[in-house]
Amino acid sequence: MKIVNLCEHNSIVCQYLAELRDRKIQKDSMRFRYNMERIGMYAAMEISKSLNYKETEITTPLGIAKCKTLADKVVIASIMRAGLTLHNGVLKIFDKAENSFVAAYRKYGNNNKFLIQMEYISKPPIEGKVLILTDCMIATGSSLMLAYNKLIDEGEPLHTHIISSICSEAALAYLSKQLPHKRVTLWVGAVDEELTNKAYIIPGLGDAGDLAYGEKSEK
């Protein structure tokens, strides 16, 4: 698995991520969603540089122009609900992409232990296409791997790109073991060191889903 840290070198993503983490700016949920969306757009533009294109003749009002158009078929998948913010940003760049949605959540038991439950998945055929999987926060990597394996259970993608704002070091190690030889690239805004006993990222930014769409019932 290849890892691209978007804030390892100076880029505007550093500014977006700083605002996402800021407790005062987080009070503006529209701004929070927009910054996540912009990270998705930025990563999508970077991903576009690695894809395959074909030369096409386009008729203009004054003649024929030879242009390059995207040859690869793209599928954008998101883990709901927080992943929808990144999804929207990627879709603005790859506006002709097919779309997939995965509903997965943590089900807690005793001692803060949890299992990942998947309730719903909607997906087109994936085989031979470029899969872009968005997940705002990758704390343990468990839900992402569950979604990834379900998405590819009927065929391997040409390449998989994973986009996240923040990933923990533990998740990075886990995903590297799970996807050592896969054609996978992880695009991440930052890698944070710690996890709480409930597997929340520190310093992180809080609950991305709640910050984007409002608090949810825990029942």
C-alpha atoms as a PDB file:
ATOM      1  CA  MET A   1       0.000   0.000   0.000  1.00  0.00           C
ATOM      2  CA  LYS A   2       1.325   3.407  -0.972  1.00  0.00           C
ATOM      3  CA  ILE A   3       0.790   6.259   1.517  1.00  0.00           C
ATOM      4  CA  VAL A   4       0.560   9.921   0.502  1.00  0.00           C
ATOM      5  CA  ASN A   5       0.482  12.398   3.403  1.00  0.00           C
ATOM      6  CA  LEU A   6      -1.000  15.566   1.897  1.00  0.00           C
ATOM      7  CA  CYS A   7       0.297  17.781   4.723  1.00  0.00           C
ATOM      8  CA  GLU A   8       3.799  16.322   4.824  1.00  0.00           C
ATOM      9  CA  HIS A   9       4.758  19.129   2.459  1.00  0.00           C
ATOM     10  CA  ASN A  10       3.118  22.541   2.294  1.00  0.00           C
ATOM     11  CA  SER A  11      -0.260  22.567   0.549  1.00  0.00           C
ATOM     12  CA  ILE A  12      -3.598  24.289   1.092  1.00  0.00           C
ATOM     13  CA  VAL A  13      -4.858  21.044   2.668  1.00  0.00           C
ATOM     14  CA  CYS A  14      -2.881  22.082   5.776  1.00  0.00           C
ATOM     15  CA  GLN A  15      -5.169  25.116   6.129  1.00  0.00           C
ATOM     16  CA  TYR A  16      -8.340  23.078   5.589  1.00  0.00           C
ATOM     17  CA  LEU A  17      -7.240  20.530   8.194  1.00  0.00           C
ATOM     18  CA  ALA A  18      -6.319  23.223  10.720  1.00  0.00           C
ATOM     19  CA  GLU A  19      -9.844  24.643  10.438  1.00  0.00           C
ATOM     20  CA  LEU A  20     -11.377  21.175  10.753  1.00  0.00           C
ATOM     21  CA  ARG A  21      -9.542  20.651  14.044  1.00  0.00           C
ATOM     22  CA  ASP A  22     -10.307  24.112  15.498  1.00  0.00           C
ATOM     23  CA  ARG A  23     -13.041  23.909  18.170  1.00  0.00           C
ATOM     24  CA  LYS A  24     -14.250  27.435  17.442  1.00  0.00           C
ATOM     25  CA  ILE A  25     -14.515  26.970  13.672  1.00  0.00           C
ATOM     26  CA  GLN A  26     -16.171  23.555  14.184  1.00  0.00           C
ATOM     27  CA  LYS A  27     -19.254  25.357  15.487  1.00  0.00           C
ATOM     28  CA  ASP A  28     -19.990  26.282  11.864  1.00  0.00           C
ATOM     29  CA  SER A  29     -21.147  22.941  10.484  1.00  0.00           C
ATOM     30  CA  MET A  30     -21.390  24.310   6.941  1.00  0.00           C
ATOM     31  CA  ARG A  31     -17.728  25.362   7.096  1.00  0.00           C
ATOM     32  CA  PHE A  32     -16.791  21.934   8.491  1.00  0.00           C
ATOM     33  CA  ARG A  33     -18.558  20.133   5.637  1.00  0.00           C
ATOM     34  CA  TYR A  34     -17.006  22.472   3.076  1.00  0.00           C
ATOM     35  CA  ASN A  35     -13.456  21.934   4.346  1.00  0.00           C
ATOM     36  CA  MET A  36     -13.922  18.151   4.213  1.00  0.00           C
ATOM     37  CA  GLU A  37     -15.331  18.540   0.723  1.00  0.00           C
ATOM     38  CA  ARG A  38     -12.322  20.612  -0.345  1.00  0.00           C
ATOM     39  CA  ILE A  39      -9.924  17.934   0.921  1.00  0.00           C
ATOM     40  CA  GLY A  40     -11.863  15.447  -1.214  1.00  0.00           C
ATOM     41  CA  MET A  41     -11.558  17.745  -4.227  1.00  0.00           C
ATOM     42  CA  TYR A  42      -7.827  18.284  -3.716  1.00  0.00           C
ATOM     43  CA  ALA A  43      -7.133  14.549  -3.335  1.00  0.00           C
ATOM     44  CA  ALA A  44      -9.275  13.800  -6.388  1.00  0.00           C
ATOM     45  CA  MET A  45      -7.254  16.242  -8.488  1.00  0.00           C
ATOM     46  CA  GLU A  46      -4.055  14.507  -7.374  1.00  0.00           C
ATOM     47  CA  ILE A  47      -5.560  11.101  -8.137  1.00  0.00           C
ATOM     48  CA  SER A  48      -6.574  12.296 -11.608  1.00  0.00           C
ATOM     49  CA  LYS A  49      -2.896  12.669 -12.520  1.00  0.00           C
ATOM     50  CA  SER A  50      -2.379   8.903 -12.150  1.00  0.00           C
ATOM     51  CA  LEU A  51      -5.295   7.774 -14.322  1.00  0.00           C
ATOM     52  CA  ASN A  52      -5.416   6.721 -17.971  1.00  0.00           C
ATOM     53  CA  TYR A  53      -6.605   9.078 -20.705  1.00  0.00           C
ATOM     54  CA  LYS A  54      -7.456   8.755 -24.384  1.00  0.00           C
ATOM     55  CA  GLU A  55      -7.130  11.255 -27.210  1.00  0.00           C
ATOM     56  CA  THR A  56     -10.472  12.447 -28.532  1.00  0.00           C
ATOM     57  CA  GLU A  57     -11.381  14.788 -31.364  1.00  0.00           C
ATOM     58  CA  ILE A  58     -13.743  17.514 -30.186  1.00  0.00           C
ATOM     59  CA  THR A  59     -15.665  19.720 -32.604  1.00  0.00           C
ATOM     60  CA  THR A  60     -15.451  23.392 -31.647  1.00  0.00           C
ATOM     61  CA  PRO A  61     -17.295  26.287 -33.377  1.00  0.00           C
ATOM     62  CA  LEU A  62     -14.129  26.883 -35.434  1.00  0.00           C
ATOM     63  CA  GLY A  63     -12.659  23.457 -36.052  1.00  0.00           C
ATOM     64  CA  ILE A  64     -11.445  20.204 -34.524  1.00  0.00           C
ATOM     65  CA  ALA A  65      -9.430  20.060 -31.292  1.00  0.00           C
ATOM     66  CA  LYS A  66      -7.538  16.995 -30.125  1.00  0.00           C
ATOM     67  CA  CYS A  67      -8.237  16.617 -26.409  1.00  0.00           C
ATOM     68  CA  LYS A  68      -7.466  14.077 -23.714  1.00  0.00           C
ATOM     69  CA  THR A  69     -10.459  12.593 -21.921  1.00  0.00           C
ATOM     70  CA  LEU A  70     -10.606  10.139 -19.049  1.00  0.00           C
ATOM     71  CA  ALA A  71     -10.419   6.519 -20.192  1.00  0.00           C
ATOM     72  CA  ASP A  72     -10.711   4.847 -16.778  1.00  0.00           C
ATOM     73  CA  LYS A  73     -14.100   4.171 -15.234  1.00  0.00           C
ATOM     74  CA  VAL A  74     -14.326   5.507 -11.679  1.00  0.00           C
ATOM     75  CA  VAL A  75     -16.459   4.371  -8.747  1.00  0.00           C
ATOM     76  CA  ILE A  76     -16.670   6.592  -5.659  1.00  0.00           C
ATOM     77  CA  ALA A  77     -17.627   4.802  -2.442  1.00  0.00           C
ATOM     78  CA  SER A  78     -18.194   6.350   0.974  1.00  0.00           C
ATOM     79  CA  ILE A  79     -18.733   5.029   4.471  1.00  0.00           C
ATOM     80  CA  MET A  80     -21.777   6.874   5.753  1.00  0.00           C
ATOM     81  CA  ARG A  81     -22.454   9.238   7.211  1.00  0.00           C
ATOM     82  CA  ALA A  82     -19.307  11.318   7.670  1.00  0.00           C
ATOM     83  CA  GLY A  83     -17.756  10.024   4.450  1.00  0.00           C
ATOM     84  CA  LEU A  84     -20.431  11.810   2.435  1.00  0.00           C
ATOM     85  CA  THR A  85     -18.563  15.109   2.894  1.00  0.00           C
ATOM     86  CA  LEU A  86     -15.429  13.789   1.173  1.00  0.00           C
ATOM     87  CA  HIS A  87     -17.598  11.910  -1.332  1.00  0.00           C
ATOM     88  CA  ASN A  88     -19.218  15.146  -2.513  1.00  0.00           C
ATOM     89  CA  GLY A  89     -15.818  16.723  -3.078  1.00  0.00           C
ATOM     90  CA  VAL A  90     -14.536  13.779  -5.122  1.00  0.00           C
ATOM     91  CA  LEU A  91     -17.755  13.672  -7.140  1.00  0.00           C
ATOM     92  CA  LYS A  92     -17.328  17.336  -8.117  1.00  0.00           C
ATOM     93  CA  ILE A  93     -14.048  16.367  -9.805  1.00  0.00           C
ATOM     94  CA  PHE A  94     -15.107  12.990 -11.226  1.00  0.00           C
ATOM     95  CA  ASP A  95     -18.628  14.094 -12.122  1.00  0.00           C
ATOM     96  CA  LYS A  96     -19.281  11.106 -14.399  1.00  0.00           C
ATOM     97  CA  ALA A  97     -18.296   8.516 -11.779  1.00  0.00           C
ATOM     98  CA  GLU A  98     -20.539   5.745 -10.524  1.00  0.00           C
ATOM     99  CA  ASN A  99     -21.327   5.829  -6.819  1.00  0.00           C
ATOM    100  CA  SER A 100     -21.467   3.378  -3.931  1.00  0.00           C
ATOM    101  CA  PHE A 101     -22.592   3.825  -0.325  1.00  0.00           C
ATOM    102  CA  VAL A 102     -21.804   1.730   2.743  1.00  0.00           C
ATOM    103  CA  ALA A 103     -23.570   2.038   6.108  1.00  0.00           C
ATOM    104  CA  ALA A 104     -21.308   0.748   8.886  1.00  0.00           C
ATOM    105  CA  TYR A 105     -21.072   1.607  12.578  1.00  0.00           C
ATOM    106  CA  ARG A 106     -19.475   0.570  15.856  1.00  0.00           C
ATOM    107  CA  LYS A 107     -21.547  -1.605  18.188  1.00  0.00           C
ATOM    108  CA  TYR A 108     -20.089  -1.318  21.684  1.00  0.00           C
ATOM    109  CA  GLY A 109     -20.150  -4.061  24.298  1.00  0.00           C
ATOM    110  CA  ASN A 110     -18.429  -4.374  27.662  1.00  0.00           C
ATOM    111  CA  ASN A 111     -15.094  -2.659  28.454  1.00  0.00           C
ATOM    112  CA  ASN A 112     -15.480  -0.314  25.469  1.00  0.00           C
ATOM    113  CA  LYS A 113     -14.937  -3.204  23.066  1.00  0.00           C
ATOM    114  CA  PHE A 114     -16.841  -2.970  19.815  1.00  0.00           C
ATOM    115  CA  LEU A 115     -17.672  -4.815  16.641  1.00  0.00           C
ATOM    116  CA  ILE A 116     -18.190  -3.199  13.248  1.00  0.00           C
ATOM    117  CA  GLN A 117     -21.721  -3.721  12.006  1.00  0.00           C
ATOM    118  CA  MET A 118     -22.639  -3.247   8.360  1.00  0.00           C
ATOM    119  CA  GLU A 119     -26.312  -2.587   7.680  1.00  0.00           C
ATOM    120  CA  TYR A 120     -26.382  -1.573   4.033  1.00  0.00           C
ATOM    121  CA  ILE A 121     -24.308  -1.437   0.867  1.00  0.00           C
ATOM    122  CA  SER A 122     -25.205  -0.180  -2.587  1.00  0.00           C
ATOM    123  CA  LYS A 123     -22.605  -0.697  -5.308  1.00  0.00           C
ATOM    124  CA  PRO A 124     -22.124  -1.039  -9.061  1.00  0.00           C
ATOM    125  CA  PRO A 125     -19.734  -3.647 -10.513  1.00  0.00           C
ATOM    126  CA  ILE A 126     -16.182  -2.769  -9.397  1.00  0.00           C
ATOM    127  CA  GLU A 127     -13.977  -5.100 -11.449  1.00  0.00           C
ATOM    128  CA  GLY A 128     -11.500  -3.316 -13.708  1.00  0.00           C
ATOM    129  CA  LYS A 129     -12.527   0.153 -12.510  1.00  0.00           C
ATOM    130  CA  VAL A 130     -10.763   2.701 -10.320  1.00  0.00           C
ATOM    131  CA  LEU A 131     -12.265   2.608  -6.824  1.00  0.00           C
ATOM    132  CA  ILE A 132     -12.083   5.751  -4.662  1.00  0.00           C
ATOM    133  CA  LEU A 133     -13.121   4.964  -1.075  1.00  0.00           C
ATOM    134  CA  THR A 134     -13.719   7.883   1.306  1.00  0.00           C
ATOM    135  CA  ASP A 135     -13.697   7.706   5.110  1.00  0.00           C
ATOM    136  CA  CYS A 136     -13.236  10.969   7.047  1.00  0.00           C
ATOM    137  CA  MET A 137     -11.453   9.428  10.039  1.00  0.00           C
ATOM    138  CA  ILE A 138      -9.614   6.098  10.078  1.00  0.00           C
ATOM    139  CA  ALA A 139      -9.173   5.203  13.753  1.00  0.00           C
ATOM    140  CA  THR A 140      -8.628   1.425  13.698  1.00  0.00           C
ATOM    141  CA  GLY A 141      -9.131   0.599  10.006  1.00  0.00           C
ATOM    142  CA  SER A 142     -11.687  -2.110  10.828  1.00  0.00           C
ATOM    143  CA  SER A 143     -14.723  -0.471   9.237  1.00  0.00           C
ATOM    144  CA  LEU A 144     -12.713   0.541   6.196  1.00  0.00           C
ATOM    145  CA  MET A 145     -11.445  -3.011   5.630  1.00  0.00           C
ATOM    146  CA  LEU A 146     -14.956  -4.417   6.083  1.00  0.00           C
ATOM    147  CA  ALA A 147     -16.276  -1.979   3.480  1.00  0.00           C
ATOM    148  CA  TYR A 148     -13.360  -2.579   1.106  1.00  0.00           C
ATOM    149  CA  ASN A 149     -13.729  -6.379   1.211  1.00  0.00           C
ATOM    150  CA  LYS A 150     -17.470  -6.121   0.636  1.00  0.00           C
ATOM    151  CA  LEU A 151     -16.988  -3.741  -2.293  1.00  0.00           C
ATOM    152  CA  ILE A 152     -14.532  -6.052  -4.083  1.00  0.00           C
ATOM    153  CA  ASP A 153     -16.164  -9.395  -3.283  1.00  0.00           C
ATOM    154  CA  GLU A 154     -17.282  -9.790  -6.908  1.00  0.00           C
ATOM    155  CA  GLY A 155     -14.188  -8.471  -8.678  1.00  0.00           C
ATOM    156  CA  GLU A 156     -10.900  -6.633  -8.183  1.00  0.00           C
ATOM    157  CA  PRO A 157     -10.632  -2.940  -9.070  1.00  0.00           C
ATOM    158  CA  LEU A 158      -7.887  -1.666 -11.344  1.00  0.00           C
ATOM    159  CA  HIS A 159      -6.622   0.424  -8.432  1.00  0.00           C
ATOM    160  CA  THR A 160      -8.073   1.590  -5.115  1.00  0.00           C
ATOM    161  CA  HIS A 161      -7.561   5.078  -3.713  1.00  0.00           C
ATOM    162  CA  ILE A 162      -8.540   5.682  -0.077  1.00  0.00           C
ATOM    163  CA  ILE A 163      -9.094   9.284   1.039  1.00  0.00           C
ATOM    164  CA  SER A 164      -9.215  10.362   4.687  1.00  0.00           C
ATOM    165  CA  SER A 165      -8.621  13.605   6.580  1.00  0.00           C
ATOM    166  CA  ILE A 166      -6.898  11.902   9.536  1.00  0.00           C
ATOM    167  CA  CYS A 167      -5.586   8.380  10.119  1.00  0.00           C
ATOM    168  CA  SER A 168      -4.142   6.980  13.338  1.00  0.00           C
ATOM    169  CA  GLU A 169      -0.735   5.307  13.415  1.00  0.00           C
ATOM    170  CA  ALA A 170      -2.431   2.106  14.616  1.00  0.00           C
ATOM    171  CA  ALA A 171      -4.794   2.120  11.630  1.00  0.00           C
ATOM    172  CA  LEU A 172      -1.903   2.801   9.280  1.00  0.00           C
ATOM    173  CA  ALA A 173      -0.040  -0.232  10.594  1.00  0.00           C
ATOM    174  CA  TYR A 174      -3.184  -2.388  10.384  1.00  0.00           C
ATOM    175  CA  LEU A 175      -4.010  -1.359   6.806  1.00  0.00           C
ATOM    176  CA  SER A 176      -0.397  -1.868   5.719  1.00  0.00           C
ATOM    177  CA  LYS A 177      -0.596  -5.465   6.960  1.00  0.00           C
ATOM    178  CA  GLN A 178      -4.019  -6.077   5.413  1.00  0.00           C
ATOM    179  CA  LEU A 179      -3.124  -4.545   2.039  1.00  0.00           C
ATOM    180  CA  PRO A 180       0.603  -5.233   1.585  1.00  0.00           C
ATOM    181  CA  HIS A 181       0.492  -6.339  -2.045  1.00  0.00           C
ATOM    182  CA  LYS A 182      -2.737  -4.707  -3.152  1.00  0.00           C
ATOM    183  CA  ARG A 183      -2.913  -1.910  -5.697  1.00  0.00           C
ATOM    184  CA  VAL A 184      -3.965   0.626  -3.072  1.00  0.00           C
ATOM    185  CA  THR A 185      -2.986   4.243  -2.383  1.00  0.00           C
ATOM    186  CA  LEU A 186      -3.968   5.995   0.858  1.00  0.00           C
ATOM    187  CA  TRP A 187      -4.339   9.790   0.637  1.00  0.00           C
ATOM    188  CA  VAL A 188      -4.420  11.278   4.134  1.00  0.00           C
ATOM    189  CA  GLY A 189      -4.290  14.801   5.530  1.00  0.00           C
ATOM    190  CA  ALA A 190      -2.473  13.831   8.725  1.00  0.00           C
ATOM    191  CA  VAL A 191      -1.382  10.819  10.764  1.00  0.00           C
ATOM    192  CA  ASP A 192      -2.067  11.154  14.515  1.00  0.00           C
ATOM    193  CA  GLU A 193      -0.278   9.111  17.152  1.00  0.00           C
ATOM    194  CA  GLU A 194      -2.785   8.167  19.829  1.00  0.00           C
ATOM    195  CA  LEU A 195      -6.150   6.462  20.358  1.00  0.00           C
ATOM    196  CA  THR A 196      -8.383   6.681  23.435  1.00  0.00           C
ATOM    197  CA  ASN A 197      -9.640   3.535  25.174  1.00  0.00           C
ATOM    198  CA  LYS A 198     -12.750   3.866  22.980  1.00  0.00           C
ATOM    199  CA  ALA A 199     -10.570   4.071  19.843  1.00  0.00           C
ATOM    200  CA  TYR A 200     -11.036   7.763  19.130  1.00  0.00           C
ATOM    201  CA  ILE A 201      -8.112   9.581  17.509  1.00  0.00           C
ATOM    202  CA  ILE A 202      -6.024  12.049  19.584  1.00  0.00           C
ATOM    203  CA  PRO A 203      -5.682  14.953  18.886  1.00  0.00           C
ATOM    204  CA  GLY A 204      -8.017  14.193  15.973  1.00  0.00           C
ATOM    205  CA  LEU A 205     -10.944  16.547  15.540  1.00  0.00           C
ATOM    206  CA  GLY A 206     -13.871  14.900  17.344  1.00  0.00           C
ATOM    207  CA  ASP A 207     -16.803  13.059  15.785  1.00  0.00           C
ATOM    208  CA  ALA A 208     -16.775  14.045  12.104  1.00  0.00           C
ATOM    209  CA  GLY A 209     -20.315  12.815  11.520  1.00  0.00           C
ATOM    210  CA  ASP A 210     -21.741  14.852  14.393  1.00  0.00           C
ATOM    211  CA  LEU A 211     -19.780  17.949  13.396  1.00  0.00           C
ATOM    212  CA  ALA A 212     -20.981  17.707   9.797  1.00  0.00           C
ATOM    213  CA  TYR A 213     -24.593  16.627  10.268  1.00  0.00           C
ATOM    214  CA  GLY A 214     -25.560  17.049  13.932  1.00  0.00           C
ATOM    215  CA  GLU A 215     -25.466  14.805  16.972  1.00  0.00           C
ATOM    216  CA  LYS A 216     -26.931  11.313  16.694  1.00  0.00           C
ATOM    217  CA  SER A 217     -28.775   9.178  19.182  1.00  0.00           C
ATOM    218  CA  GLU A 218     -26.616   6.502  20.808  1.00  0.00           C
ATOM    219  CA  LYS A 219     -29.576   4.097  21.124  1.00  0.00           C
END
